[in-house]
Amino acid sequence: MLAEHGVDFDRRDYFKEPFTEDELRALFDEIGMTPTDLLSKRSKAYKDLGLADREVTDEELIRLIPDNPTLIRRPIVVKDGQAVVGFSQDKIEALIDN
């Protein structure tokens, strides 16, 4: 979709190239969101790790995400410190049009 709009972008497959904890902290700082904001509660890892059954801190999520990338909703489209999380064509188009 981005290419169709003539937008240059960097794509990262974080299953093949997992985020480090430091990269995650930098991403969350840049977009003004927390790991909880991006948490995929429908993922298998969320269920397998029993995260629904207890309170989970953002720091714990940051430690878990590199080994369990399905914990993050995707895609994450970032532009100028703003982000759209999850596939929403309207929201992504609005972000890239700004």
N, C-alpha and C. Protein backbone atom coordinates (compact mmCIF):
# COMPACT_ATOMS: atom_id res chain seq x y z
N MET A 1 0.82 -1.19 0.00
CA MET A 1 0.00 0.00 0.00
C MET A 1 0.87 1.26 0.00
N LEU A 2 1.92 1.27 0.79
CA LEU A 2 2.79 2.44 0.83
C LEU A 2 3.45 2.67 -0.53
N ALA A 3 3.92 1.60 -1.14
CA ALA A 3 4.56 1.72 -2.46
C ALA A 3 3.58 2.26 -3.49
N GLU A 4 2.32 1.85 -3.39
CA GLU A 4 1.29 2.33 -4.31
C GLU A 4 1.10 3.84 -4.20
N HIS A 5 1.38 4.38 -3.03
CA HIS A 5 1.25 5.82 -2.80
C HIS A 5 2.56 6.56 -3.04
N GLY A 6 3.58 5.84 -3.52
CA GLY A 6 4.86 6.46 -3.81
C GLY A 6 5.64 6.85 -2.57
N VAL A 7 5.40 6.15 -1.47
CA VAL A 7 6.06 6.45 -0.20
C VAL A 7 7.29 5.56 -0.04
N ASP A 8 8.44 6.19 0.18
CA ASP A 8 9.64 5.43 0.51
C ASP A 8 9.51 4.96 1.95
N PHE A 9 9.88 3.72 2.20
CA PHE A 9 9.76 3.21 3.56
C PHE A 9 10.79 2.13 3.82
N ASP A 10 11.07 1.93 5.09
CA ASP A 10 11.91 0.82 5.54
C ASP A 10 10.98 -0.23 6.12
N ARG A 11 11.14 -1.45 5.68
CA ARG A 11 10.31 -2.54 6.17
C ARG A 11 11.18 -3.44 7.04
N ARG A 12 10.63 -3.81 8.16
CA ARG A 12 11.35 -4.71 9.05
C ARG A 12 10.44 -5.87 9.41
N ASP A 13 10.89 -7.05 9.12
CA ASP A 13 10.17 -8.26 9.51
C ASP A 13 10.71 -8.65 10.88
N TYR A 14 9.98 -8.29 11.92
CA TYR A 14 10.53 -8.52 13.25
C TYR A 14 10.37 -9.96 13.73
N PHE A 15 9.95 -10.83 12.83
CA PHE A 15 10.04 -12.27 13.12
C PHE A 15 11.43 -12.76 12.71
N LYS A 16 11.94 -12.21 11.61
CA LYS A 16 13.27 -12.59 11.14
C LYS A 16 14.36 -11.75 11.80
N GLU A 17 14.04 -10.52 12.13
CA GLU A 17 14.98 -9.59 12.76
C GLU A 17 14.32 -8.98 13.99
N PRO A 18 14.29 -9.75 15.09
CA PRO A 18 13.57 -9.28 16.28
C PRO A 18 14.13 -7.96 16.82
N PHE A 19 13.25 -7.20 17.42
CA PHE A 19 13.66 -5.98 18.10
C PHE A 19 14.48 -6.35 19.33
N THR A 20 15.43 -5.49 19.66
CA THR A 20 16.11 -5.61 20.95
C THR A 20 15.28 -4.83 21.97
N GLU A 21 15.56 -5.04 23.22
CA GLU A 21 14.85 -4.29 24.26
C GLU A 21 15.09 -2.79 24.10
N ASP A 22 16.32 -2.41 23.80
CA ASP A 22 16.63 -0.98 23.61
C ASP A 22 15.89 -0.40 22.42
N GLU A 23 15.79 -1.15 21.33
CA GLU A 23 15.04 -0.68 20.17
C GLU A 23 13.56 -0.51 20.50
N LEU A 24 13.02 -1.42 21.26
CA LEU A 24 11.62 -1.30 21.66
C LEU A 24 11.39 -0.06 22.51
N ARG A 25 12.28 0.17 23.47
CA ARG A 25 12.14 1.38 24.31
C ARG A 25 12.20 2.64 23.45
N ALA A 26 13.12 2.66 22.48
CA ALA A 26 13.25 3.83 21.59
C ALA A 26 12.00 3.99 20.73
N LEU A 27 11.46 2.90 20.23
CA LEU A 27 10.24 2.96 19.42
C LEU A 27 9.08 3.51 20.24
N PHE A 28 8.89 2.98 21.44
CA PHE A 28 7.78 3.44 22.27
C PHE A 28 7.94 4.91 22.65
N ASP A 29 9.17 5.33 22.92
CA ASP A 29 9.43 6.75 23.20
C ASP A 29 9.09 7.61 21.98
N GLU A 30 9.52 7.15 20.80
CA GLU A 30 9.30 7.93 19.57
C GLU A 30 7.82 8.12 19.26
N ILE A 31 7.03 7.08 19.44
CA ILE A 31 5.63 7.15 19.05
C ILE A 31 4.69 7.50 20.20
N GLY A 32 5.24 7.64 21.40
CA GLY A 32 4.41 8.02 22.54
C GLY A 32 3.40 6.97 22.94
N MET A 33 3.76 5.71 22.75
CA MET A 33 2.89 4.59 23.13
C MET A 33 3.65 3.67 24.08
N THR A 34 2.92 2.77 24.68
CA THR A 34 3.51 1.80 25.59
C THR A 34 3.39 0.40 25.00
N PRO A 35 4.13 -0.56 25.52
CA PRO A 35 3.97 -1.94 25.05
C PRO A 35 2.53 -2.43 25.20
N THR A 36 1.87 -2.00 26.26
CA THR A 36 0.48 -2.40 26.46
C THR A 36 -0.41 -1.88 25.34
N ASP A 37 -0.10 -0.68 24.82
CA ASP A 37 -0.88 -0.11 23.72
C ASP A 37 -0.80 -0.96 22.46
N LEU A 38 0.32 -1.65 22.26
CA LEU A 38 0.54 -2.44 21.05
C LEU A 38 0.32 -3.93 21.26
N LEU A 39 -0.08 -4.30 22.45
CA LEU A 39 -0.20 -5.71 22.82
C LEU A 39 -1.31 -6.40 22.04
N SER A 40 -0.98 -7.54 21.46
CA SER A 40 -1.96 -8.37 20.76
C SER A 40 -2.51 -9.40 21.73
N LYS A 41 -3.67 -9.13 22.25
CA LYS A 41 -4.27 -10.04 23.23
C LYS A 41 -4.87 -11.27 22.58
N ARG A 42 -4.89 -11.31 21.27
CA ARG A 42 -5.41 -12.49 20.57
C ARG A 42 -4.29 -13.42 20.12
N SER A 43 -3.04 -13.05 20.40
CA SER A 43 -1.92 -13.88 19.96
C SER A 43 -1.80 -15.15 20.79
N LYS A 44 -1.25 -16.16 20.16
CA LYS A 44 -1.01 -17.43 20.85
C LYS A 44 -0.04 -17.23 22.02
N ALA A 45 0.98 -16.41 21.82
CA ALA A 45 1.96 -16.17 22.89
C ALA A 45 1.30 -15.53 24.10
N TYR A 46 0.38 -14.62 23.87
CA TYR A 46 -0.33 -13.96 24.98
C TYR A 46 -1.05 -15.02 25.83
N LYS A 47 -1.69 -15.94 25.16
CA LYS A 47 -2.41 -17.01 25.87
C LYS A 47 -1.43 -18.00 26.52
N ASP A 48 -0.42 -18.43 25.73
CA ASP A 48 0.52 -19.43 26.23
C ASP A 48 1.32 -18.93 27.44
N LEU A 49 1.62 -17.64 27.46
CA LEU A 49 2.38 -17.06 28.58
C LEU A 49 1.50 -16.71 29.77
N GLY A 50 0.20 -16.89 29.63
CA GLY A 50 -0.72 -16.62 30.73
C GLY A 50 -0.85 -15.14 31.06
N LEU A 51 -0.64 -14.28 30.08
CA LEU A 51 -0.65 -12.84 30.36
C LEU A 51 -2.04 -12.31 30.68
N ALA A 52 -3.07 -13.00 30.23
CA ALA A 52 -4.44 -12.56 30.51
C ALA A 52 -4.80 -12.76 31.98
N ASP A 53 -4.06 -13.64 32.63
CA ASP A 53 -4.40 -14.02 34.01
C ASP A 53 -3.68 -13.21 35.07
N ARG A 54 -2.88 -12.21 34.65
CA ARG A 54 -2.12 -11.45 35.65
C ARG A 54 -1.77 -10.06 35.13
N GLU A 55 -1.35 -9.23 36.03
CA GLU A 55 -0.88 -7.89 35.66
C GLU A 55 0.51 -8.01 35.06
N VAL A 56 0.72 -7.35 33.94
CA VAL A 56 2.01 -7.40 33.27
C VAL A 56 2.50 -5.97 33.13
N THR A 57 3.73 -5.73 33.54
CA THR A 57 4.30 -4.39 33.41
C THR A 57 4.83 -4.17 32.00
N ASP A 58 4.99 -2.92 31.64
CA ASP A 58 5.57 -2.60 30.34
C ASP A 58 6.99 -3.15 30.23
N GLU A 59 7.75 -3.08 31.31
CA GLU A 59 9.12 -3.61 31.29
C GLU A 59 9.13 -5.12 31.05
N GLU A 60 8.19 -5.82 31.65
CA GLU A 60 8.12 -7.27 31.42
C GLU A 60 7.78 -7.54 29.96
N LEU A 61 6.86 -6.77 29.39
CA LEU A 61 6.52 -6.95 27.98
C LEU A 61 7.73 -6.67 27.09
N ILE A 62 8.48 -5.65 27.41
CA ILE A 62 9.68 -5.34 26.63
C ILE A 62 10.66 -6.51 26.67
N ARG A 63 10.75 -7.19 27.80
CA ARG A 63 11.63 -8.36 27.90
C ARG A 63 11.07 -9.56 27.12
N LEU A 64 9.75 -9.67 27.03
CA LEU A 64 9.12 -10.82 26.37
C LEU A 64 9.02 -10.68 24.85
N ILE A 65 8.85 -9.47 24.37
CA ILE A 65 8.57 -9.26 22.94
C ILE A 65 9.67 -9.77 22.01
N PRO A 66 10.96 -9.57 22.30
CA PRO A 66 11.98 -10.07 21.35
C PRO A 66 11.85 -11.57 21.05
N ASP A 67 11.50 -12.36 22.04
CA ASP A 67 11.35 -13.81 21.84
C ASP A 67 9.94 -14.21 21.44
N ASN A 68 9.01 -13.27 21.52
CA ASN A 68 7.60 -13.53 21.23
C ASN A 68 7.01 -12.38 20.42
N PRO A 69 7.48 -12.19 19.18
CA PRO A 69 7.05 -11.02 18.41
C PRO A 69 5.56 -10.96 18.11
N THR A 70 4.86 -12.08 18.25
CA THR A 70 3.41 -12.03 18.01
C THR A 70 2.68 -11.26 19.09
N LEU A 71 3.39 -10.90 20.16
CA LEU A 71 2.76 -10.08 21.21
C LEU A 71 2.46 -8.66 20.73
N ILE A 72 3.09 -8.25 19.62
CA ILE A 72 2.88 -6.90 19.09
C ILE A 72 1.89 -6.97 17.93
N ARG A 73 0.85 -6.12 17.98
CA ARG A 73 -0.04 -6.01 16.83
C ARG A 73 0.75 -5.45 15.66
N ARG A 74 0.40 -5.84 14.48
CA ARG A 74 1.12 -5.39 13.32
C ARG A 74 0.16 -5.11 12.18
N PRO A 75 0.59 -4.34 11.24
CA PRO A 75 1.87 -3.66 11.14
C PRO A 75 1.93 -2.44 12.06
N ILE A 76 3.13 -1.93 12.22
CA ILE A 76 3.34 -0.65 12.89
C ILE A 76 3.89 0.28 11.81
N VAL A 77 3.14 1.30 11.48
CA VAL A 77 3.57 2.27 10.48
C VAL A 77 3.89 3.56 11.22
N VAL A 78 5.14 4.00 11.10
CA VAL A 78 5.61 5.17 11.84
C VAL A 78 6.03 6.25 10.85
N LYS A 79 5.58 7.47 11.13
CA LYS A 79 5.99 8.62 10.33
C LYS A 79 6.02 9.84 11.24
N ASP A 80 7.17 10.49 11.28
CA ASP A 80 7.32 11.74 12.04
C ASP A 80 6.81 11.62 13.49
N GLY A 81 7.17 10.52 14.14
CA GLY A 81 6.82 10.34 15.54
C GLY A 81 5.38 9.94 15.79
N GLN A 82 4.61 9.72 14.74
CA GLN A 82 3.24 9.23 14.89
C GLN A 82 3.18 7.81 14.35
N ALA A 83 2.23 7.04 14.85
CA ALA A 83 2.15 5.65 14.43
C ALA A 83 0.71 5.21 14.25
N VAL A 84 0.55 4.28 13.34
CA VAL A 84 -0.69 3.53 13.19
C VAL A 84 -0.33 2.09 13.48
N VAL A 85 -1.09 1.48 14.36
CA VAL A 85 -0.82 0.10 14.75
C VAL A 85 -1.99 -0.76 14.29
N GLY A 86 -1.67 -1.84 13.60
CA GLY A 86 -2.71 -2.69 13.04
C GLY A 86 -3.08 -2.18 11.66
N PHE A 87 -3.65 -3.06 10.85
CA PHE A 87 -3.95 -2.65 9.49
C PHE A 87 -5.29 -1.92 9.44
N SER A 88 -5.20 -0.64 9.18
CA SER A 88 -6.37 0.20 8.92
C SER A 88 -6.01 1.08 7.74
N GLN A 89 -6.51 0.73 6.59
CA GLN A 89 -6.15 1.46 5.38
C GLN A 89 -6.42 2.95 5.52
N ASP A 90 -7.56 3.32 6.07
CA ASP A 90 -7.90 4.73 6.23
C ASP A 90 -6.91 5.46 7.13
N LYS A 91 -6.56 4.83 8.25
CA LYS A 91 -5.63 5.47 9.18
C LYS A 91 -4.22 5.57 8.60
N ILE A 92 -3.81 4.54 7.90
CA ILE A 92 -2.47 4.57 7.28
C ILE A 92 -2.43 5.63 6.19
N GLU A 93 -3.46 5.71 5.38
CA GLU A 93 -3.49 6.74 4.33
C GLU A 93 -3.49 8.13 4.95
N ALA A 94 -4.23 8.33 6.03
CA ALA A 94 -4.24 9.64 6.70
C ALA A 94 -2.85 9.97 7.23
N LEU A 95 -2.15 8.99 7.78
CA LEU A 95 -0.81 9.22 8.31
C LEU A 95 0.15 9.61 7.19
N ILE A 96 0.12 8.90 6.08
CA ILE A 96 1.09 9.19 5.02
C ILE A 96 0.73 10.46 4.25
N ASP A 97 -0.53 10.87 4.29
CA ASP A 97 -0.94 12.09 3.62
C ASP A 97 -0.58 13.35 4.40
N ASN A 98 -0.31 13.20 5.68
CA ASN A 98 0.06 14.38 6.50
C ASN A 98 1.47 14.83 6.20
